[in-house]
């Protein structure tokens, strides 16, 4: 997603209503996340900036410069936490990895039964964001 340099075509501060909508969307998208988890990555009183890119991706940055969430399609249907959001949550998260250090975010392209049917060959993951990719570099 951010393998090549990208530049935000628009960057604007989110209004109070936009912040509430983003928090609701994050809560709906991540049902295992507690309200405290959502408050940690999207503080209620913090300024949130939405950076919009030419590839339709929206990146939500909290004051201080760290991107916390990104939306692949720009409509709120494919919203994901960034590695920085997961690091900030640490062990308080339901997303915790086995190594306690998430380095990339992605989705599976097939179920485990499908992977076994094809002999564990082929592309099983679609990586959307990783540590120090160009999306991060363009927001800080």
C-alpha atoms as a PDB file:
ATOM      1  CA  UNK A   1       0.000   0.000   0.000  1.00  0.00           C
ATOM      2  CA  UNK A   2       2.725   2.475   0.976  1.00  0.00           C
ATOM      3  CA  UNK A   3       5.649   0.756  -0.753  1.00  0.00           C
ATOM      4  CA  UNK A   4       6.339   3.820  -2.893  1.00  0.00           C
ATOM      5  CA  UNK A   5       6.560   7.459  -1.816  1.00  0.00           C
ATOM      6  CA  UNK A   6       3.143   9.063  -1.513  1.00  0.00           C
ATOM      7  CA  UNK A   7       2.095  12.545  -0.633  1.00  0.00           C
ATOM      8  CA  UNK A   8      -1.147  13.569   1.015  1.00  0.00           C
ATOM      9  CA  UNK A   9      -3.276  15.570  -1.379  1.00  0.00           C
ATOM     10  CA  UNK A  10      -5.353  16.945   1.486  1.00  0.00           C
ATOM     11  CA  UNK A  11      -4.790  17.167   5.210  1.00  0.00           C
ATOM     12  CA  UNK A  12      -7.469  18.590   7.466  1.00  0.00           C
ATOM     13  CA  UNK A  13      -8.317  18.685  11.147  1.00  0.00           C
ATOM     14  CA  UNK A  14     -11.287  16.572  12.113  1.00  0.00           C
ATOM     15  CA  UNK A  15     -14.320  18.280  13.628  1.00  0.00           C
ATOM     16  CA  UNK A  16     -15.915  17.038  16.834  1.00  0.00           C
ATOM     17  CA  UNK A  17     -18.588  15.167  14.876  1.00  0.00           C
ATOM     18  CA  UNK A  18     -15.945  13.559  12.644  1.00  0.00           C
ATOM     19  CA  UNK A  19     -13.968  12.432  15.695  1.00  0.00           C
ATOM     20  CA  UNK A  20     -17.064  10.869  17.260  1.00  0.00           C
ATOM     21  CA  UNK A  21     -17.887   9.104  13.999  1.00  0.00           C
ATOM     22  CA  UNK A  22     -14.302   7.810  13.721  1.00  0.00           C
ATOM     23  CA  UNK A  23     -14.433   6.515  17.301  1.00  0.00           C
ATOM     24  CA  UNK A  24     -17.772   4.762  16.601  1.00  0.00           C
ATOM     25  CA  UNK A  25     -16.393   3.255  13.398  1.00  0.00           C
ATOM     26  CA  UNK A  26     -13.273   2.013  15.216  1.00  0.00           C
ATOM     27  CA  UNK A  27     -15.420   0.506  17.978  1.00  0.00           C
ATOM     28  CA  UNK A  28     -17.660  -1.227  15.399  1.00  0.00           C
ATOM     29  CA  UNK A  29     -14.692  -2.449  13.366  1.00  0.00           C
ATOM     30  CA  UNK A  30     -12.819  -3.772  16.419  1.00  0.00           C
ATOM     31  CA  UNK A  31     -15.475  -5.271  18.726  1.00  0.00           C
ATOM     32  CA  UNK A  32     -12.856  -6.817  21.027  1.00  0.00           C
ATOM     33  CA  UNK A  33     -11.327  -3.401  21.750  1.00  0.00           C
ATOM     34  CA  UNK A  34     -12.490  -1.863  25.007  1.00  0.00           C
ATOM     35  CA  UNK A  35     -13.461   1.783  25.352  1.00  0.00           C
ATOM     36  CA  UNK A  36     -10.125   2.302  27.129  1.00  0.00           C
ATOM     37  CA  UNK A  37      -8.301   0.866  24.083  1.00  0.00           C
ATOM     38  CA  UNK A  38     -10.147   3.254  21.759  1.00  0.00           C
ATOM     39  CA  UNK A  39      -9.418   6.176  24.135  1.00  0.00           C
ATOM     40  CA  UNK A  40      -5.738   5.234  24.100  1.00  0.00           C
ATOM     41  CA  UNK A  41      -5.361   5.430  20.322  1.00  0.00           C
ATOM     42  CA  UNK A  42      -7.977   8.173  19.729  1.00  0.00           C
ATOM     43  CA  UNK A  43      -7.930  10.387  22.833  1.00  0.00           C
ATOM     44  CA  UNK A  44     -11.283  12.216  23.135  1.00  0.00           C
ATOM     45  CA  UNK A  45      -9.727  15.667  23.592  1.00  0.00           C
ATOM     46  CA  UNK A  46      -6.812  15.266  21.174  1.00  0.00           C
ATOM     47  CA  UNK A  47      -6.660  16.944  17.806  1.00  0.00           C
ATOM     48  CA  UNK A  48      -7.013  14.408  14.991  1.00  0.00           C
ATOM     49  CA  UNK A  49      -5.920  15.162  11.442  1.00  0.00           C
ATOM     50  CA  UNK A  50      -7.146  13.186   8.447  1.00  0.00           C
ATOM     51  CA  UNK A  51      -4.571  12.906   5.662  1.00  0.00           C
ATOM     52  CA  UNK A  52      -6.171  11.934   2.350  1.00  0.00           C
ATOM     53  CA  UNK A  53      -4.080  10.370  -0.402  1.00  0.00           C
ATOM     54  CA  UNK A  54      -4.576  10.064  -4.145  1.00  0.00           C
ATOM     55  CA  UNK A  55      -4.990   6.275  -3.784  1.00  0.00           C
ATOM     56  CA  UNK A  56      -8.161   6.890  -1.664  1.00  0.00           C
ATOM     57  CA  UNK A  57      -6.434   5.933   1.592  1.00  0.00           C
ATOM     58  CA  UNK A  58      -7.142   8.080   4.647  1.00  0.00           C
ATOM     59  CA  UNK A  59      -4.655   8.134   7.522  1.00  0.00           C
ATOM     60  CA  UNK A  60      -5.755   9.481  10.910  1.00  0.00           C
ATOM     61  CA  UNK A  61      -2.976  11.178  12.849  1.00  0.00           C
ATOM     62  CA  UNK A  62      -3.267  12.312  16.466  1.00  0.00           C
ATOM     63  CA  UNK A  63      -1.527  15.412  17.755  1.00  0.00           C
ATOM     64  CA  UNK A  64       2.134  14.620  18.158  1.00  0.00           C
ATOM     65  CA  UNK A  65       2.415  13.214  14.663  1.00  0.00           C
ATOM     66  CA  UNK A  66       1.814   9.482  14.967  1.00  0.00           C
ATOM     67  CA  UNK A  67      -0.644   7.831  12.580  1.00  0.00           C
ATOM     68  CA  UNK A  68      -3.100   5.708  14.591  1.00  0.00           C
ATOM     69  CA  UNK A  69      -5.612   4.398  12.055  1.00  0.00           C
ATOM     70  CA  UNK A  70      -5.806   4.091   8.304  1.00  0.00           C
ATOM     71  CA  UNK A  71      -8.763   3.509   6.036  1.00  0.00           C
ATOM     72  CA  UNK A  72      -7.960   1.683   2.803  1.00  0.00           C
ATOM     73  CA  UNK A  73     -11.022   2.658   0.802  1.00  0.00           C
ATOM     74  CA  UNK A  74     -11.729   6.047   2.391  1.00  0.00           C
ATOM     75  CA  UNK A  75     -15.282   5.033   3.334  1.00  0.00           C
ATOM     76  CA  UNK A  76     -14.696   3.504   6.760  1.00  0.00           C
ATOM     77  CA  UNK A  77     -15.331  -0.084   5.694  1.00  0.00           C
ATOM     78  CA  UNK A  78     -11.677  -1.204   5.734  1.00  0.00           C
ATOM     79  CA  UNK A  79     -10.166   0.622   8.691  1.00  0.00           C
ATOM     80  CA  UNK A  80      -7.107  -0.783  10.465  1.00  0.00           C
ATOM     81  CA  UNK A  81      -4.859   0.248  13.368  1.00  0.00           C
ATOM     82  CA  UNK A  82      -1.300   1.166  12.469  1.00  0.00           C
ATOM     83  CA  UNK A  83       1.670  -0.597  14.036  1.00  0.00           C
ATOM     84  CA  UNK A  84       2.144   2.527  16.185  1.00  0.00           C
ATOM     85  CA  UNK A  85      -1.398   2.240  17.563  1.00  0.00           C
ATOM     86  CA  UNK A  86      -0.783  -1.385  18.475  1.00  0.00           C
ATOM     87  CA  UNK A  87       2.536  -0.516  20.104  1.00  0.00           C
ATOM     88  CA  UNK A  88       0.838   2.217  22.118  1.00  0.00           C
ATOM     89  CA  UNK A  89      -1.715  -0.273  23.413  1.00  0.00           C
ATOM     90  CA  UNK A  90       0.977  -2.785  24.312  1.00  0.00           C
ATOM     91  CA  UNK A  91      -0.291  -5.648  26.457  1.00  0.00           C
ATOM     92  CA  UNK A  92      -3.668  -3.922  27.007  1.00  0.00           C
ATOM     93  CA  UNK A  93      -4.728  -4.920  23.520  1.00  0.00           C
ATOM     94  CA  UNK A  94      -6.742  -7.831  22.197  1.00  0.00           C
ATOM     95  CA  UNK A  95      -4.510  -7.538  19.098  1.00  0.00           C
ATOM     96  CA  UNK A  96      -1.345  -8.486  20.961  1.00  0.00           C
ATOM     97  CA  UNK A  97       1.177 -10.496  19.000  1.00  0.00           C
ATOM     98  CA  UNK A  98       3.267 -13.346  20.328  1.00  0.00           C
ATOM     99  CA  UNK A  99       6.442 -11.259  20.177  1.00  0.00           C
ATOM    100  CA  UNK A 100       4.850  -8.116  21.678  1.00  0.00           C
ATOM    101  CA  UNK A 101       6.100  -6.130  18.688  1.00  0.00           C
ATOM    102  CA  UNK A 102       3.872  -5.884  15.646  1.00  0.00           C
ATOM    103  CA  UNK A 103       5.851  -5.021  12.507  1.00  0.00           C
ATOM    104  CA  UNK A 104       3.186  -5.156   9.809  1.00  0.00           C
ATOM    105  CA  UNK A 105      -0.581  -5.086   9.350  1.00  0.00           C
ATOM    106  CA  UNK A 106      -2.456  -7.128   6.794  1.00  0.00           C
ATOM    107  CA  UNK A 107      -5.341  -9.436   6.023  1.00  0.00           C
ATOM    108  CA  UNK A 108      -5.458 -13.068   5.041  1.00  0.00           C
ATOM    109  CA  UNK A 109      -6.370 -13.830   1.453  1.00  0.00           C
ATOM    110  CA  UNK A 110      -7.660 -17.327   2.209  1.00  0.00           C
ATOM    111  CA  UNK A 111      -8.921 -19.355   5.137  1.00  0.00           C
ATOM    112  CA  UNK A 112      -6.766 -21.994   6.806  1.00  0.00           C
ATOM    113  CA  UNK A 113      -8.778 -24.776   5.150  1.00  0.00           C
ATOM    114  CA  UNK A 114      -8.249 -23.169   1.728  1.00  0.00           C
ATOM    115  CA  UNK A 115      -4.528 -22.860   2.440  1.00  0.00           C
ATOM    116  CA  UNK A 116      -4.344 -26.554   3.321  1.00  0.00           C
ATOM    117  CA  UNK A 117      -6.211 -27.473   0.123  1.00  0.00           C
ATOM    118  CA  UNK A 118      -3.587 -25.726  -2.008  1.00  0.00           C
ATOM    119  CA  UNK A 119      -0.733 -27.318  -0.064  1.00  0.00           C
ATOM    120  CA  UNK A 120       0.225 -24.175   1.877  1.00  0.00           C
ATOM    121  CA  UNK A 121       1.406 -22.513  -1.324  1.00  0.00           C
ATOM    122  CA  UNK A 122       0.590 -19.134  -2.754  1.00  0.00           C
ATOM    123  CA  UNK A 123      -0.074 -15.757  -1.250  1.00  0.00           C
ATOM    124  CA  UNK A 124      -1.781 -16.053   2.116  1.00  0.00           C
ATOM    125  CA  UNK A 125      -1.406 -12.457   3.332  1.00  0.00           C
ATOM    126  CA  UNK A 126      -2.069  -9.042   1.869  1.00  0.00           C
ATOM    127  CA  UNK A 127       0.238  -6.647   3.724  1.00  0.00           C
ATOM    128  CA  UNK A 128      -1.303  -3.181   3.927  1.00  0.00           C
ATOM    129  CA  UNK A 129       1.095  -1.358   6.246  1.00  0.00           C
ATOM    130  CA  UNK A 130       4.456  -2.031   7.862  1.00  0.00           C
ATOM    131  CA  UNK A 131       6.889  -0.299  10.185  1.00  0.00           C
ATOM    132  CA  UNK A 132       8.503   2.765   8.549  1.00  0.00           C
ATOM    133  CA  UNK A 133       6.688   2.462   5.232  1.00  0.00           C
ATOM    134  CA  UNK A 134       6.128   5.530   3.067  1.00  0.00           C
ATOM    135  CA  UNK A 135       2.696   6.140   4.608  1.00  0.00           C
ATOM    136  CA  UNK A 136       4.341   6.772   7.942  1.00  0.00           C
ATOM    137  CA  UNK A 137       7.030   8.974   6.406  1.00  0.00           C
ATOM    138  CA  UNK A 138       4.450  11.159   4.678  1.00  0.00           C
ATOM    139  CA  UNK A 139       2.454  11.884   7.856  1.00  0.00           C
ATOM    140  CA  UNK A 140       5.237  12.871  10.246  1.00  0.00           C
END
